[in-house]
Protein backbone atom coordinates (compact mmCIF):
# COMPACT_ATOMS: atom_id res chain seq x y z
CA MET A 1 41.80 129.82 69.68
CA ALA A 2 43.63 128.75 73.33
CA GLN A 3 47.72 128.41 72.75
CA ASN A 4 48.46 124.22 73.20
CA VAL A 5 49.54 123.81 77.02
CA ILE A 6 52.63 121.96 75.95
CA ASP A 7 53.57 125.55 74.34
CA ILE A 8 52.69 127.38 77.05
CA LEU A 9 54.78 125.19 79.35
CA LYS A 10 57.77 125.51 77.19
CA GLN A 11 57.80 129.11 77.30
CA GLU A 12 56.93 129.67 81.14
CA HIS A 13 60.20 126.93 81.86
CA LYS A 14 62.25 128.98 79.81
CA MET A 15 61.39 132.31 81.10
CA VAL A 16 61.82 130.86 84.80
CA LEU A 17 64.91 129.07 83.95
CA SER A 18 66.47 132.57 82.68
CA GLN A 19 65.35 134.31 85.75
CA PHE A 20 66.86 131.61 88.15
CA SER A 21 70.11 132.16 86.08
CA GLU A 22 69.88 135.62 86.07
CA LEU A 23 69.06 135.67 90.37
CA SER A 24 72.09 133.22 90.79
CA SER A 25 74.66 135.93 90.05
CA LYS A 26 76.63 137.57 92.43
CA GLY A 27 76.70 141.58 93.47
CA MET A 28 73.41 142.47 91.33
CA SER A 29 71.18 145.61 91.90
CA ASP A 30 67.49 144.89 92.55
CA ARG A 31 67.69 141.24 93.74
CA GLU A 32 64.60 141.50 95.53
CA LYS A 33 62.38 143.09 92.69
CA LYS A 34 64.07 140.29 90.17
CA TYR A 35 63.07 137.40 93.18
CA SER A 36 59.65 138.82 93.71
CA SER A 37 59.37 139.01 90.15
CA LEU A 38 60.33 135.22 89.85
CA LYS A 39 57.89 134.24 92.33
CA GLU A 40 55.23 136.12 90.93
CA ASN A 41 55.96 134.13 87.59
CA LEU A 42 56.66 130.72 89.23
CA MET A 43 54.18 130.35 91.78
CA PRO A 44 50.89 130.92 89.53
CA HIS A 45 52.76 128.09 87.39
CA LEU A 46 53.18 125.72 89.58
CA ILE A 47 49.70 125.84 91.09
CA GLY A 48 48.27 126.00 87.58
CA GLU A 49 50.10 122.56 86.73
CA GLU A 50 48.26 121.45 89.58
CA LYS A 51 44.68 122.18 89.44
CA ALA A 52 44.18 121.92 85.92
CA LEU A 53 46.99 119.89 84.14
CA TYR A 54 48.25 117.38 86.85
CA PRO A 55 44.68 116.09 87.61
CA ARG A 56 43.80 115.46 84.14
CA LEU A 57 47.27 113.56 83.17
CA GLU A 58 47.16 111.33 86.22
CA GLU A 59 44.09 109.79 83.94
CA VAL A 60 46.55 109.06 81.55
CA GLU A 61 47.68 105.29 81.56
CA GLY A 62 51.20 105.03 82.66
CA MET A 63 51.80 108.77 84.16
CA ARG A 64 50.47 108.50 87.14
CA ASP A 65 53.34 107.76 88.87
CA THR A 66 54.97 110.83 86.84
CA ILE A 67 52.50 113.31 88.20
CA LEU A 68 52.73 112.13 91.57
CA GLU A 69 56.53 112.91 91.78
CA ALA A 70 55.87 116.26 90.33
CA ILE A 71 53.62 117.19 92.84
CA GLU A 72 56.26 116.12 95.52
CA GLU A 73 58.22 118.34 93.33
CA HIS A 74 56.20 121.55 93.59
CA SER A 75 56.05 121.12 97.59
CA ALA A 76 59.67 120.61 97.98
CA VAL A 77 60.19 123.87 95.55
CA LYS A 78 57.36 125.79 97.87
CA THR A 79 58.93 124.66 100.81
CA LEU A 80 62.93 126.02 99.93
CA LEU A 81 60.92 129.18 98.64
CA GLY A 82 59.96 129.63 102.02
CA GLN A 83 62.54 129.08 103.57
CA LEU A 84 64.63 131.52 100.96
CA ASP A 85 61.88 133.97 101.58
CA SER A 86 62.95 134.08 105.65
CA SER A 87 66.69 134.08 105.52
CA SER A 88 68.72 137.26 105.16
CA ALA A 89 69.76 138.60 101.60
CA SER A 90 72.42 140.31 103.72
CA ASP A 91 74.56 137.08 103.23
CA GLU A 92 74.51 137.08 99.35
CA ASP A 93 76.79 133.79 99.28
CA VAL A 94 74.02 131.76 101.66
CA TRP A 95 71.39 133.46 100.02
CA VAL A 96 72.83 132.63 96.52
CA ALA A 97 73.53 129.02 97.69
CA LYS A 98 69.91 128.78 98.67
CA LEU A 99 68.35 130.06 95.33
CA LYS A 100 70.74 127.68 93.39
CA VAL A 101 69.29 124.57 95.25
CA ILE A 102 65.96 125.27 94.84
CA GLU A 103 67.25 126.28 90.52
CA GLU A 104 68.39 122.66 90.65
CA ASN A 105 65.47 121.11 91.96
CA VAL A 106 63.53 123.34 89.09
CA GLU A 107 65.57 122.30 86.13
CA HIS A 108 65.25 118.64 87.36
CA HIS A 109 61.32 119.05 87.49
CA ILE A 110 61.10 120.89 84.04
CA SER A 111 63.30 118.15 82.52
CA GLU A 112 61.28 115.25 83.73
CA GLU A 113 57.86 117.31 82.95
CA GLU A 114 58.91 118.02 79.14
CA LYS A 115 59.87 114.48 78.72
CA ILE A 116 56.07 113.38 79.25
CA PHE A 117 55.36 116.29 76.40
CA PRO A 118 55.88 113.77 73.34
CA GLU A 119 53.55 111.12 75.25
CA MET A 120 50.83 113.95 75.70
CA GLN A 121 51.21 115.00 72.01
CA GLN A 122 50.30 111.38 71.23
CA LYS A 123 47.39 110.53 73.57
CA MET A 124 45.45 113.91 73.48
CA SER A 125 44.04 115.74 70.39
CA SER A 126 45.11 118.97 69.74
CA ASP A 127 41.67 120.34 71.00
CA GLU A 128 42.37 118.55 73.96
CA LEU A 129 46.08 120.37 74.30
CA SER A 130 44.20 123.68 73.45
CA SER A 131 41.30 123.30 75.79
CA LEU A 132 44.06 122.14 78.73
CA GLY A 133 45.78 125.45 77.57
CA SER A 134 42.66 127.31 78.60
CA ARG A 135 42.25 125.40 82.14
CA TYR A 136 45.65 126.18 82.36
CA GLU A 137 45.50 129.78 82.04
CA GLU A 138 42.21 130.24 83.80
CA ALA A 139 44.18 128.16 86.62
CA LYS A 140 47.16 130.47 86.77
CA ARG A 141 44.77 133.98 87.10
CA SER A 142 43.00 132.44 90.18
CA ALA A 143 46.46 131.63 91.59
CA MET A 144 47.51 135.25 91.30
CA PRO A 145 46.50 136.72 94.39
CA VAL A 146 48.14 133.78 96.02
CA ALA A 147 51.52 134.08 94.60
CA ALA A 148 51.60 137.45 95.64
CA ARG A 149 51.29 136.49 99.20
């Protein structure tokens, strides 16, 4: 049986936050490889939420405004990642500062998103949460080639 979407998201949130924390350390080796890994996890996650989860949550009474805000937060993170991609990693102080701003945005987003999990559990059956988990995983898989760009 498919995994509950809430459990999947919590696991991924924890992993991405850990990656951000590691990347924000100065003087680290393999920064480019670790940053690439972060993006390989983060971008499909964002796209999966946008394609599989958010359309369903917009239909839940009282969640539409929260979901619209979440979509805008995703857009801001994608923009900031694009700016980081085009900045030089040779000036580590500036690069890490930019990364920390992205990390703060992601932390805020996760905090807000996880606040709706109890409401999702109340308003959706376990079968629906599992079905959303499957749709989310499929949306992430279809996003993988996009994330690698």
